[in-house]
Amino acid sequence: MIEFLPLFPCPVIKIDTKPEFNNIRNDLISFCYSERENTPTGITRSNKGGWHSDILLEEEKFHKYKEFIEKYVTKSLEPYVNPDVKIVPFSYWINISGENARNNEHNHPGSDISGCIWIKSSESSGSFRFTNPNDFTHNPLLKTFNHQTKSKFYFSERYFFKPIEGEMILFPSVMNHCVFENNDDNDRISIAFNLKIYEN
């Protein structure tokens, strides 16, 4: 007997918050633009050409959106984590990426789990890309696998997500990722966040 064992995977969770997202979409877009109007310069992190907000964690006007996100984070993680684990958010921020704006490859030091929910996007908004953490050490092997094996076991040098409104992803904060240029003349808007894990 031959067994193919994909050991030590990187856990990534994809969540669709629709149809509930549809009820808050327009309000949430308005909130994001209002934040940019209040602080038009924003801050610079991985963003190139786009707007990155300050941290939103304690803003009263953000709480209802924060609760929405945390509900889906909890719902998606509960089946997989031990009951004595506490997962606590410690930062949220908005990214508004106009035409040709992008986010360079980066990770999130000091955090355990990171996430992103797309608020406004289109087919041309630019893909979100993960880089395989073993890309350097396993590169020849990764290139050797045929398409069927790569698809079945997610073995590849890179993995891409399309930015779809209302969809959220959670991933280990150490995973390198980037967001390609927005090729649409409409903005791409997302809210990203970081979470810490505590064991009781």
N, C-alpha and C. Protein backbone atom coordinates (compact mmCIF):
# COMPACT_ATOMS: atom_id res chain seq x y z
N MET A 1 0.84 -1.20 0.00
CA MET A 1 0.00 0.00 0.00
C MET A 1 0.88 1.25 0.00
N ILE A 2 0.45 2.25 -0.74
CA ILE A 2 1.17 3.53 -0.80
C ILE A 2 0.24 4.63 -0.27
N GLU A 3 0.76 5.41 0.64
CA GLU A 3 0.00 6.53 1.19
C GLU A 3 0.74 7.83 0.92
N PHE A 4 0.01 8.82 0.51
CA PHE A 4 0.56 10.17 0.32
C PHE A 4 0.05 11.02 1.49
N LEU A 5 0.95 11.46 2.35
CA LEU A 5 0.57 12.17 3.57
C LEU A 5 0.99 13.63 3.49
N PRO A 6 0.06 14.55 3.34
CA PRO A 6 0.40 15.98 3.29
C PRO A 6 0.61 16.53 4.71
N LEU A 7 1.77 16.24 5.28
CA LEU A 7 2.04 16.59 6.67
C LEU A 7 2.25 18.10 6.85
N PHE A 8 1.91 18.56 8.04
CA PHE A 8 2.16 19.94 8.48
C PHE A 8 1.55 21.00 7.55
N PRO A 9 0.26 20.92 7.33
CA PRO A 9 -0.37 21.93 6.46
C PRO A 9 -0.49 23.28 7.16
N CYS A 10 -0.73 24.32 6.39
CA CYS A 10 -1.01 25.66 6.91
C CYS A 10 -2.53 25.84 6.94
N PRO A 11 -3.11 26.01 8.12
CA PRO A 11 -4.57 26.11 8.19
C PRO A 11 -5.08 27.47 7.73
N VAL A 12 -5.85 27.48 6.67
CA VAL A 12 -6.49 28.68 6.15
C VAL A 12 -7.99 28.39 6.09
N ILE A 13 -8.80 29.31 6.63
CA ILE A 13 -10.25 29.12 6.66
C ILE A 13 -10.90 30.19 5.81
N LYS A 14 -11.78 29.76 4.94
CA LYS A 14 -12.52 30.68 4.06
C LYS A 14 -13.97 30.70 4.51
N ILE A 15 -14.53 31.90 4.72
CA ILE A 15 -15.88 32.05 5.24
C ILE A 15 -16.69 32.95 4.31
N ASP A 16 -17.90 32.54 4.01
CA ASP A 16 -18.82 33.39 3.25
C ASP A 16 -19.83 33.96 4.23
N THR A 17 -19.81 35.28 4.46
CA THR A 17 -20.72 35.91 5.43
C THR A 17 -22.05 36.34 4.80
N LYS A 18 -22.23 36.09 3.52
CA LYS A 18 -23.51 36.38 2.88
C LYS A 18 -24.53 35.30 3.26
N PRO A 19 -25.80 35.57 3.38
CA PRO A 19 -26.46 36.82 2.94
C PRO A 19 -26.46 37.94 3.99
N GLU A 20 -26.02 37.64 5.23
CA GLU A 20 -26.08 38.68 6.27
C GLU A 20 -25.25 39.90 5.89
N PHE A 21 -24.11 39.66 5.24
CA PHE A 21 -23.25 40.77 4.81
C PHE A 21 -24.01 41.77 3.95
N ASN A 22 -24.90 41.26 3.11
CA ASN A 22 -25.64 42.15 2.20
C ASN A 22 -26.44 43.23 2.94
N ASN A 23 -26.82 42.93 4.18
CA ASN A 23 -27.61 43.88 4.96
C ASN A 23 -26.80 45.05 5.49
N ILE A 24 -25.48 44.87 5.58
CA ILE A 24 -24.63 45.93 6.13
C ILE A 24 -23.66 46.50 5.09
N ARG A 25 -23.63 45.92 3.90
CA ARG A 25 -22.62 46.30 2.91
C ARG A 25 -22.55 47.80 2.66
N ASN A 26 -23.67 48.40 2.31
CA ASN A 26 -23.66 49.82 1.94
C ASN A 26 -23.27 50.71 3.12
N ASP A 27 -23.78 50.38 4.31
CA ASP A 27 -23.41 51.15 5.50
C ASP A 27 -21.92 51.01 5.78
N LEU A 28 -21.41 49.82 5.60
CA LEU A 28 -20.00 49.57 5.88
C LEU A 28 -19.09 50.31 4.88
N ILE A 29 -19.50 50.34 3.62
CA ILE A 29 -18.74 51.10 2.62
C ILE A 29 -18.74 52.58 2.98
N SER A 30 -19.89 53.10 3.38
CA SER A 30 -19.98 54.51 3.78
C SER A 30 -19.09 54.79 4.98
N PHE A 31 -19.07 53.87 5.94
CA PHE A 31 -18.21 54.02 7.11
C PHE A 31 -16.74 54.09 6.70
N CYS A 32 -16.32 53.22 5.78
CA CYS A 32 -14.92 53.20 5.33
C CYS A 32 -14.53 54.53 4.67
N TYR A 33 -15.39 55.03 3.82
CA TYR A 33 -15.09 56.30 3.16
C TYR A 33 -15.11 57.47 4.15
N SER A 34 -15.99 57.39 5.14
CA SER A 34 -16.03 58.43 6.17
C SER A 34 -14.73 58.47 6.96
N GLU A 35 -14.19 57.29 7.26
CA GLU A 35 -12.92 57.22 7.97
C GLU A 35 -11.79 57.83 7.14
N ARG A 36 -11.82 57.59 5.84
CA ARG A 36 -10.78 58.18 4.98
C ARG A 36 -10.92 59.69 4.91
N GLU A 37 -12.15 60.19 4.89
CA GLU A 37 -12.36 61.64 4.87
C GLU A 37 -11.83 62.29 6.15
N ASN A 38 -11.98 61.58 7.27
CA ASN A 38 -11.52 62.12 8.55
C ASN A 38 -10.00 62.14 8.68
N THR A 39 -9.35 61.14 8.10
CA THR A 39 -7.88 61.07 8.15
C THR A 39 -7.36 60.73 6.75
N PRO A 40 -7.38 61.68 5.83
CA PRO A 40 -7.07 61.38 4.42
C PRO A 40 -5.64 60.90 4.15
N THR A 41 -4.70 61.24 5.01
CA THR A 41 -3.32 60.79 4.76
C THR A 41 -3.13 59.32 5.12
N GLY A 42 -3.88 58.84 6.13
CA GLY A 42 -3.75 57.45 6.53
C GLY A 42 -2.34 57.13 7.01
N ILE A 43 -2.00 55.85 6.99
CA ILE A 43 -0.65 55.43 7.36
C ILE A 43 -0.12 54.49 6.28
N THR A 44 1.16 54.28 6.28
CA THR A 44 1.79 53.41 5.28
C THR A 44 2.33 52.16 5.95
N ARG A 45 1.89 51.02 5.45
CA ARG A 45 2.41 49.73 5.89
C ARG A 45 2.85 48.96 4.65
N SER A 46 2.06 47.97 4.24
CA SER A 46 2.38 47.25 2.99
C SER A 46 1.75 47.92 1.79
N ASN A 47 0.89 48.89 2.03
CA ASN A 47 0.10 49.50 0.95
C ASN A 47 0.96 50.40 0.06
N LYS A 48 0.77 50.25 -1.23
CA LYS A 48 1.43 51.08 -2.23
C LYS A 48 0.36 51.72 -3.11
N GLY A 49 0.13 53.00 -2.91
CA GLY A 49 -0.86 53.72 -3.70
C GLY A 49 -2.24 53.72 -3.13
N GLY A 50 -2.48 52.98 -2.06
CA GLY A 50 -3.80 52.94 -1.45
C GLY A 50 -3.82 53.64 -0.10
N TRP A 51 -4.98 53.60 0.55
CA TRP A 51 -5.16 54.24 1.85
C TRP A 51 -5.32 53.16 2.93
N HIS A 52 -4.57 53.32 4.02
CA HIS A 52 -4.57 52.39 5.16
C HIS A 52 -4.97 53.19 6.38
N SER A 53 -6.02 52.78 7.07
CA SER A 53 -6.51 53.54 8.22
C SER A 53 -5.64 53.30 9.45
N ASP A 54 -5.87 54.12 10.47
CA ASP A 54 -5.35 53.82 11.80
C ASP A 54 -6.11 52.62 12.36
N ILE A 55 -5.66 52.14 13.52
CA ILE A 55 -6.32 51.00 14.16
C ILE A 55 -7.70 51.42 14.68
N LEU A 56 -8.71 50.57 14.42
CA LEU A 56 -10.10 50.93 14.70
C LEU A 56 -10.67 50.27 15.95
N LEU A 57 -9.89 49.51 16.68
CA LEU A 57 -10.41 48.59 17.68
C LEU A 57 -11.38 49.22 18.67
N GLU A 58 -11.08 50.39 19.18
CA GLU A 58 -11.88 50.96 20.25
C GLU A 58 -12.87 52.03 19.78
N GLU A 59 -12.96 52.27 18.50
CA GLU A 59 -13.89 53.29 18.02
C GLU A 59 -15.33 52.81 18.18
N GLU A 60 -16.14 53.61 18.88
CA GLU A 60 -17.52 53.24 19.15
C GLU A 60 -18.31 52.98 17.86
N LYS A 61 -18.09 53.83 16.87
CA LYS A 61 -18.85 53.70 15.62
C LYS A 61 -18.47 52.46 14.82
N PHE A 62 -17.35 51.81 15.19
CA PHE A 62 -16.93 50.59 14.51
C PHE A 62 -17.47 49.34 15.19
N HIS A 63 -18.00 49.46 16.40
CA HIS A 63 -18.33 48.29 17.20
C HIS A 63 -19.31 47.34 16.53
N LYS A 64 -20.34 47.85 15.86
CA LYS A 64 -21.32 46.94 15.25
C LYS A 64 -20.70 46.12 14.11
N TYR A 65 -19.75 46.71 13.40
CA TYR A 65 -19.07 45.97 12.33
C TYR A 65 -18.06 44.99 12.93
N LYS A 66 -17.41 45.41 14.00
CA LYS A 66 -16.49 44.54 14.74
C LYS A 66 -17.22 43.30 15.26
N GLU A 67 -18.41 43.50 15.80
CA GLU A 67 -19.21 42.39 16.30
C GLU A 67 -19.60 41.43 15.18
N PHE A 68 -19.92 41.99 14.02
CA PHE A 68 -20.26 41.16 12.86
C PHE A 68 -19.08 40.27 12.47
N ILE A 69 -17.89 40.87 12.38
CA ILE A 69 -16.70 40.11 12.00
C ILE A 69 -16.38 39.04 13.05
N GLU A 70 -16.43 39.43 14.32
CA GLU A 70 -16.06 38.49 15.38
C GLU A 70 -17.04 37.33 15.49
N LYS A 71 -18.30 37.57 15.17
CA LYS A 71 -19.27 36.48 15.17
C LYS A 71 -18.87 35.39 14.18
N TYR A 72 -18.44 35.82 12.99
CA TYR A 72 -18.04 34.83 11.97
C TYR A 72 -16.68 34.22 12.26
N VAL A 73 -15.80 34.98 12.89
CA VAL A 73 -14.51 34.41 13.31
C VAL A 73 -14.76 33.29 14.32
N THR A 74 -15.57 33.57 15.33
CA THR A 74 -15.88 32.57 16.36
C THR A 74 -16.57 31.36 15.77
N LYS A 75 -17.56 31.62 14.92
CA LYS A 75 -18.34 30.54 14.31
C LYS A 75 -17.45 29.63 13.47
N SER A 76 -16.47 30.19 12.79
CA SER A 76 -15.63 29.40 11.90
C SER A 76 -14.52 28.66 12.63
N LEU A 77 -14.05 29.20 13.76
CA LEU A 77 -12.95 28.57 14.50
C LEU A 77 -13.42 27.55 15.53
N GLU A 78 -14.62 27.74 16.07
CA GLU A 78 -15.11 26.87 17.16
C GLU A 78 -15.02 25.38 16.87
N PRO A 79 -15.35 24.92 15.66
CA PRO A 79 -15.29 23.47 15.41
C PRO A 79 -13.87 22.90 15.44
N TYR A 80 -12.85 23.77 15.37
CA TYR A 80 -11.49 23.28 15.19
C TYR A 80 -10.57 23.49 16.38
N VAL A 81 -10.95 24.35 17.34
CA VAL A 81 -10.04 24.66 18.44
C VAL A 81 -10.56 24.09 19.76
N ASN A 82 -9.67 23.94 20.72
CA ASN A 82 -10.05 23.43 22.03
C ASN A 82 -10.96 24.42 22.75
N PRO A 83 -11.89 23.93 23.57
CA PRO A 83 -12.86 24.82 24.22
C PRO A 83 -12.23 25.80 25.21
N ASP A 84 -11.04 25.50 25.73
CA ASP A 84 -10.41 26.40 26.70
C ASP A 84 -9.55 27.48 26.04
N VAL A 85 -9.56 27.52 24.72
CA VAL A 85 -8.78 28.52 23.99
C VAL A 85 -9.60 29.81 23.86
N LYS A 86 -8.94 30.92 24.12
CA LYS A 86 -9.57 32.23 23.94
C LYS A 86 -8.86 32.97 22.82
N ILE A 87 -9.62 33.43 21.84
CA ILE A 87 -9.05 34.15 20.70
C ILE A 87 -9.53 35.59 20.77
N VAL A 88 -8.56 36.50 20.90
CA VAL A 88 -8.88 37.90 21.18
C VAL A 88 -8.37 38.80 20.06
N PRO A 89 -9.23 39.62 19.46
CA PRO A 89 -8.78 40.58 18.45
C PRO A 89 -8.02 41.74 19.11
N PHE A 90 -6.95 42.19 18.46
CA PHE A 90 -6.25 43.35 19.01
C PHE A 90 -5.97 44.43 17.98
N SER A 91 -6.36 44.23 16.74
CA SER A 91 -6.26 45.33 15.77
C SER A 91 -7.15 45.06 14.57
N TYR A 92 -7.76 46.14 14.08
CA TYR A 92 -8.56 46.15 12.85
C TYR A 92 -8.15 47.39 12.06
N TRP A 93 -8.14 47.29 10.75
CA TRP A 93 -7.88 48.47 9.93
C TRP A 93 -8.52 48.32 8.56
N ILE A 94 -8.73 49.45 7.91
CA ILE A 94 -9.36 49.50 6.59
C ILE A 94 -8.28 49.69 5.53
N ASN A 95 -8.43 48.99 4.42
CA ASN A 95 -7.63 49.24 3.21
C ASN A 95 -8.56 49.68 2.08
N ILE A 96 -8.30 50.86 1.52
CA ILE A 96 -9.02 51.31 0.32
C ILE A 96 -7.99 51.45 -0.79
N SER A 97 -8.12 50.61 -1.80
CA SER A 97 -7.15 50.56 -2.88
C SER A 97 -7.80 51.01 -4.18
N GLY A 98 -7.39 52.18 -4.64
CA GLY A 98 -7.88 52.68 -5.91
C GLY A 98 -7.19 51.99 -7.08
N GLU A 99 -7.43 52.48 -8.26
CA GLU A 99 -6.84 51.87 -9.46
C GLU A 99 -5.32 51.85 -9.34
N ASN A 100 -4.72 50.71 -9.64
CA ASN A 100 -3.27 50.45 -9.63
C ASN A 100 -2.67 50.34 -8.22
N ALA A 101 -3.46 50.49 -7.18
CA ALA A 101 -2.94 50.33 -5.82
C ALA A 101 -2.77 48.85 -5.50
N ARG A 102 -1.82 48.56 -4.62
CA ARG A 102 -1.54 47.18 -4.27
C ARG A 102 -1.02 47.11 -2.83
N ASN A 103 -0.82 45.88 -2.35
CA ASN A 103 -0.15 45.65 -1.07
C ASN A 103 1.00 44.71 -1.30
N ASN A 104 2.20 45.16 -0.96
CA ASN A 104 3.39 44.35 -1.15
C ASN A 104 3.40 43.14 -0.20
N GLU A 105 4.23 42.17 -0.52
CA GLU A 105 4.28 40.95 0.29
C GLU A 105 4.73 41.29 1.71
N HIS A 106 4.06 40.69 2.68
CA HIS A 106 4.33 40.96 4.08
C HIS A 106 3.69 39.87 4.93
N ASN A 107 3.97 39.90 6.24
CA ASN A 107 3.24 39.10 7.21
C ASN A 107 2.92 39.98 8.41
N HIS A 108 2.39 39.40 9.48
CA HIS A 108 1.91 40.20 10.60
C HIS A 108 2.61 39.77 11.90
N PRO A 109 3.81 40.27 12.15
CA PRO A 109 4.54 39.89 13.37
C PRO A 109 3.77 40.27 14.63
N GLY A 110 3.91 39.45 15.67
CA GLY A 110 3.26 39.73 16.94
C GLY A 110 1.83 39.25 17.04
N SER A 111 1.31 38.69 15.96
CA SER A 111 -0.06 38.18 15.93
C SER A 111 -0.02 36.67 15.70
N ASP A 112 -1.11 35.99 16.07
CA ASP A 112 -1.20 34.54 15.86
C ASP A 112 -2.05 34.18 14.64
N ILE A 113 -3.21 34.82 14.53
CA ILE A 113 -4.10 34.61 13.39
C ILE A 113 -4.42 35.97 12.79
N SER A 114 -4.41 36.05 11.48
CA SER A 114 -4.80 37.28 10.79
C SER A 114 -5.98 36.97 9.87
N GLY A 115 -6.67 38.02 9.48
CA GLY A 115 -7.82 37.82 8.62
C GLY A 115 -8.13 39.03 7.77
N CYS A 116 -9.00 38.82 6.82
CA CYS A 116 -9.40 39.89 5.91
C CYS A 116 -10.82 39.59 5.43
N ILE A 117 -11.65 40.64 5.38
CA ILE A 117 -12.98 40.51 4.77
C ILE A 117 -13.09 41.57 3.69
N TRP A 118 -13.55 41.15 2.51
CA TRP A 118 -13.69 42.08 1.39
C TRP A 118 -15.05 42.75 1.44
N ILE A 119 -15.02 44.07 1.38
CA ILE A 119 -16.23 44.88 1.50
C ILE A 119 -16.73 45.35 0.14
N LYS A 120 -15.79 45.72 -0.73
CA LYS A 120 -16.14 46.18 -2.08
C LYS A 120 -15.07 45.67 -3.03
N SER A 121 -15.49 44.99 -4.08
CA SER A 121 -14.52 44.41 -5.02
C SER A 121 -15.22 44.03 -6.32
N SER A 122 -14.39 43.65 -7.29
CA SER A 122 -14.90 43.19 -8.57
C SER A 122 -13.94 42.14 -9.12
N GLU A 123 -14.26 41.60 -10.28
CA GLU A 123 -13.40 40.59 -10.91
C GLU A 123 -12.01 41.14 -11.21
N SER A 124 -11.92 42.46 -11.39
CA SER A 124 -10.64 43.07 -11.78
C SER A 124 -9.91 43.74 -10.62
N SER A 125 -10.36 43.45 -9.39
CA SER A 125 -9.81 44.17 -8.23
C SER A 125 -8.42 43.73 -7.83
N GLY A 126 -7.94 42.60 -8.33
CA GLY A 126 -6.60 42.12 -7.97
C GLY A 126 -6.67 41.01 -6.94
N SER A 127 -5.95 39.93 -7.18
CA SER A 127 -6.01 38.75 -6.33
C SER A 127 -5.17 38.90 -5.06
N PHE A 128 -5.60 38.17 -4.04
CA PHE A 128 -4.85 38.01 -2.79
C PHE A 128 -4.00 36.76 -2.95
N ARG A 129 -2.69 36.86 -2.66
CA ARG A 129 -1.79 35.72 -2.92
C ARG A 129 -1.03 35.33 -1.67
N PHE A 130 -1.07 34.04 -1.35
CA PHE A 130 -0.20 33.47 -0.31
C PHE A 130 1.04 32.88 -0.97
N THR A 131 2.17 33.00 -0.29
CA THR A 131 3.39 32.32 -0.70
C THR A 131 3.60 31.12 0.21
N ASN A 132 3.85 29.97 -0.36
CA ASN A 132 4.09 28.75 0.41
C ASN A 132 5.26 28.98 1.38
N PRO A 133 5.07 28.73 2.69
CA PRO A 133 6.17 28.92 3.64
C PRO A 133 7.40 28.06 3.35
N ASN A 134 7.18 26.96 2.61
CA ASN A 134 8.28 26.07 2.25
C ASN A 134 8.77 26.30 0.83
N ASP A 135 8.44 27.43 0.27
CA ASP A 135 8.76 27.70 -1.13
C ASP A 135 10.25 27.56 -1.41
N PHE A 136 11.08 28.06 -0.51
CA PHE A 136 12.53 28.02 -0.74
C PHE A 136 13.09 26.62 -0.55
N THR A 137 12.77 25.98 0.59
CA THR A 137 13.36 24.67 0.89
C THR A 137 12.79 23.55 0.04
N HIS A 138 11.51 23.68 -0.38
CA HIS A 138 10.87 22.61 -1.14
C HIS A 138 10.66 22.98 -2.61
N ASN A 139 11.28 24.03 -3.07
CA ASN A 139 10.96 24.53 -4.40
C ASN A 139 11.09 23.50 -5.51
N PRO A 140 12.20 22.75 -5.60
CA PRO A 140 12.28 21.74 -6.68
C PRO A 140 11.18 20.70 -6.59
N LEU A 141 10.86 20.28 -5.35
CA LEU A 141 9.82 19.27 -5.16
C LEU A 141 8.45 19.81 -5.55
N LEU A 142 8.15 21.05 -5.14
CA LEU A 142 6.85 21.65 -5.45
C LEU A 142 6.64 21.74 -6.96
N LYS A 143 7.72 22.01 -7.69
CA LYS A 143 7.61 22.12 -9.15
C LYS A 143 7.47 20.76 -9.82
N THR A 144 7.81 19.71 -9.11
CA THR A 144 7.76 18.36 -9.66
C THR A 144 6.35 17.79 -9.69
N PHE A 145 5.52 18.17 -8.70
CA PHE A 145 4.18 17.59 -8.60
C PHE A 145 3.33 17.92 -9.82
N ASN A 146 2.55 16.95 -10.26
CA ASN A 146 1.65 17.20 -11.38
C ASN A 146 0.44 18.02 -10.93
N HIS A 147 -0.33 18.48 -11.89
CA HIS A 147 -1.44 19.39 -11.60
C HIS A 147 -2.47 18.74 -10.68
N GLN A 148 -2.77 17.47 -10.89
CA GLN A 148 -3.76 16.78 -10.08
C GLN A 148 -3.34 16.74 -8.61
N THR A 149 -2.08 16.45 -8.36
CA THR A 149 -1.57 16.39 -6.98
C THR A 149 -1.57 17.77 -6.34
N LYS A 150 -1.15 18.76 -7.10
CA LYS A 150 -1.15 20.13 -6.57
C LYS A 150 -2.56 20.58 -6.19
N SER A 151 -3.52 20.27 -7.03
CA SER A 151 -4.90 20.68 -6.77
C SER A 151 -5.49 19.94 -5.58
N LYS A 152 -5.23 18.67 -5.48
CA LYS A 152 -5.81 17.85 -4.43
C LYS A 152 -5.27 18.20 -3.05
N PHE A 153 -3.94 18.44 -2.98
CA PHE A 153 -3.29 18.65 -1.69
C PHE A 153 -2.82 20.09 -1.48
N TYR A 154 -3.22 20.99 -2.36
CA TYR A 154 -2.82 22.40 -2.26
C TYR A 154 -1.29 22.55 -2.25
N PHE A 155 -0.61 21.73 -3.05
CA PHE A 155 0.83 21.84 -3.17
C PHE A 155 1.18 22.76 -4.32
N SER A 156 1.67 23.92 -4.03
CA SER A 156 2.12 24.83 -5.08
C SER A 156 3.00 25.89 -4.44
N GLU A 157 3.68 26.64 -5.28
CA GLU A 157 4.52 27.71 -4.76
C GLU A 157 3.69 28.87 -4.25
N ARG A 158 2.50 29.08 -4.85
CA ARG A 158 1.63 30.20 -4.51
C ARG A 158 0.18 29.70 -4.49
N TYR A 159 -0.67 30.44 -3.76
CA TYR A 159 -2.10 30.16 -3.80
C TYR A 159 -2.84 31.49 -3.84
N PHE A 160 -3.88 31.56 -4.67
CA PHE A 160 -4.57 32.82 -4.93
C PHE A 160 -6.03 32.77 -4.48
N PHE A 161 -6.50 33.90 -3.93
CA PHE A 161 -7.92 34.09 -3.64
C PHE A 161 -8.41 35.30 -4.42
N LYS A 162 -9.57 35.15 -5.02
CA LYS A 162 -10.23 36.30 -5.64
C LYS A 162 -10.92 37.11 -4.55
N PRO A 163 -10.83 38.44 -4.60
CA PRO A 163 -11.52 39.26 -3.60
C PRO A 163 -13.02 39.31 -3.90
N ILE A 164 -13.79 38.58 -3.15
CA ILE A 164 -15.24 38.50 -3.35
C ILE A 164 -15.95 39.16 -2.18
N GLU A 165 -16.84 40.08 -2.48
CA GLU A 165 -17.54 40.81 -1.43
C GLU A 165 -18.23 39.86 -0.45
N GLY A 166 -18.01 40.12 0.85
CA GLY A 166 -18.63 39.32 1.88
C GLY A 166 -17.85 38.09 2.28
N GLU A 167 -16.79 37.77 1.55
CA GLU A 167 -15.97 36.61 1.91
C GLU A 167 -14.83 37.03 2.83
N MET A 168 -14.49 36.14 3.75
CA MET A 168 -13.45 36.39 4.73
C MET A 168 -12.48 35.21 4.73
N ILE A 169 -11.21 35.49 4.98
CA ILE A 169 -10.24 34.42 5.17
C ILE A 169 -9.51 34.64 6.49
N LEU A 170 -9.17 33.53 7.15
CA LEU A 170 -8.35 33.52 8.36
C LEU A 170 -7.12 32.68 8.07
N PHE A 171 -5.97 33.11 8.58
CA PHE A 171 -4.73 32.41 8.25
C PHE A 171 -3.67 32.68 9.32
N PRO A 172 -2.66 31.80 9.43
CA PRO A 172 -1.57 32.06 10.37
C PRO A 172 -0.86 33.36 10.01
N SER A 173 -0.61 34.19 11.01
CA SER A 173 -0.06 35.52 10.75
C SER A 173 1.33 35.49 10.14
N VAL A 174 2.03 34.37 10.30
CA VAL A 174 3.40 34.28 9.75
C VAL A 174 3.41 34.03 8.25
N MET A 175 2.26 33.72 7.65
CA MET A 175 2.23 33.42 6.22
C MET A 175 2.42 34.70 5.40
N ASN A 176 3.40 34.68 4.52
CA ASN A 176 3.61 35.82 3.64
C ASN A 176 2.48 35.91 2.62
N HIS A 177 2.04 37.15 2.39
CA HIS A 177 0.93 37.36 1.45
C HIS A 177 1.04 38.75 0.85
N CYS A 178 0.37 38.93 -0.27
CA CYS A 178 0.33 40.23 -0.92
C CYS A 178 -1.01 40.35 -1.64
N VAL A 179 -1.32 41.56 -2.11
CA VAL A 179 -2.53 41.77 -2.91
C VAL A 179 -2.12 42.48 -4.19
N PHE A 180 -2.49 41.91 -5.31
CA PHE A 180 -2.09 42.45 -6.60
C PHE A 180 -2.78 43.78 -6.88
N GLU A 181 -2.28 44.44 -7.91
CA GLU A 181 -2.83 45.74 -8.30
C GLU A 181 -4.31 45.66 -8.63
N ASN A 182 -5.02 46.68 -8.21
CA ASN A 182 -6.42 46.83 -8.57
C ASN A 182 -6.50 47.35 -10.00
N ASN A 183 -7.02 46.53 -10.90
CA ASN A 183 -7.12 46.93 -12.31
C ASN A 183 -8.49 47.49 -12.67
N ASP A 184 -9.26 47.80 -11.66
CA ASP A 184 -10.58 48.39 -11.85
C ASP A 184 -10.52 49.87 -11.48
N ASP A 185 -11.34 50.70 -12.13
CA ASP A 185 -11.35 52.11 -11.73
C ASP A 185 -12.25 52.35 -10.52
N ASN A 186 -12.88 51.28 -10.00
CA ASN A 186 -13.60 51.34 -8.73
C ASN A 186 -12.69 50.84 -7.61
N ASP A 187 -12.87 51.39 -6.42
CA ASP A 187 -12.02 51.02 -5.30
C ASP A 187 -12.22 49.57 -4.88
N ARG A 188 -11.15 48.99 -4.39
CA ARG A 188 -11.22 47.72 -3.65
C ARG A 188 -11.14 48.09 -2.16
N ILE A 189 -12.11 47.62 -1.38
CA ILE A 189 -12.14 47.94 0.04
C ILE A 189 -12.15 46.65 0.85
N SER A 190 -11.31 46.60 1.85
CA SER A 190 -11.29 45.44 2.75
C SER A 190 -11.03 45.92 4.17
N ILE A 191 -11.40 45.08 5.12
CA ILE A 191 -11.02 45.28 6.52
C ILE A 191 -10.17 44.09 6.93
N ALA A 192 -8.99 44.39 7.44
CA ALA A 192 -8.06 43.35 7.90
C ALA A 192 -7.97 43.42 9.41
N PHE A 193 -7.52 42.32 10.02
CA PHE A 193 -7.47 42.27 11.48
C PHE A 193 -6.46 41.23 11.95
N ASN A 194 -6.05 41.38 13.22
CA ASN A 194 -5.13 40.46 13.87
C ASN A 194 -5.75 39.92 15.14
N LEU A 195 -5.46 38.67 15.44
CA LEU A 195 -5.99 37.99 16.63
C LEU A 195 -4.85 37.34 17.42
N LYS A 196 -5.01 37.32 18.74
CA LYS A 196 -4.08 36.62 19.62
C LYS A 196 -4.78 35.40 20.23
N ILE A 197 -4.01 34.35 20.46
CA ILE A 197 -4.53 33.12 21.06
C ILE A 197 -4.04 33.03 22.50
N TYR A 198 -5.00 32.75 23.41
CA TYR A 198 -4.67 32.57 24.83
C TYR A 198 -5.29 31.24 25.28
N GLU A 199 -4.51 30.46 26.04
CA GLU A 199 -5.01 29.20 26.58
C GLU A 199 -5.24 29.36 28.08
N ASN A 200 -6.43 28.99 28.53
CA ASN A 200 -6.75 29.10 29.96
C ASN A 200 -6.08 27.97 30.77
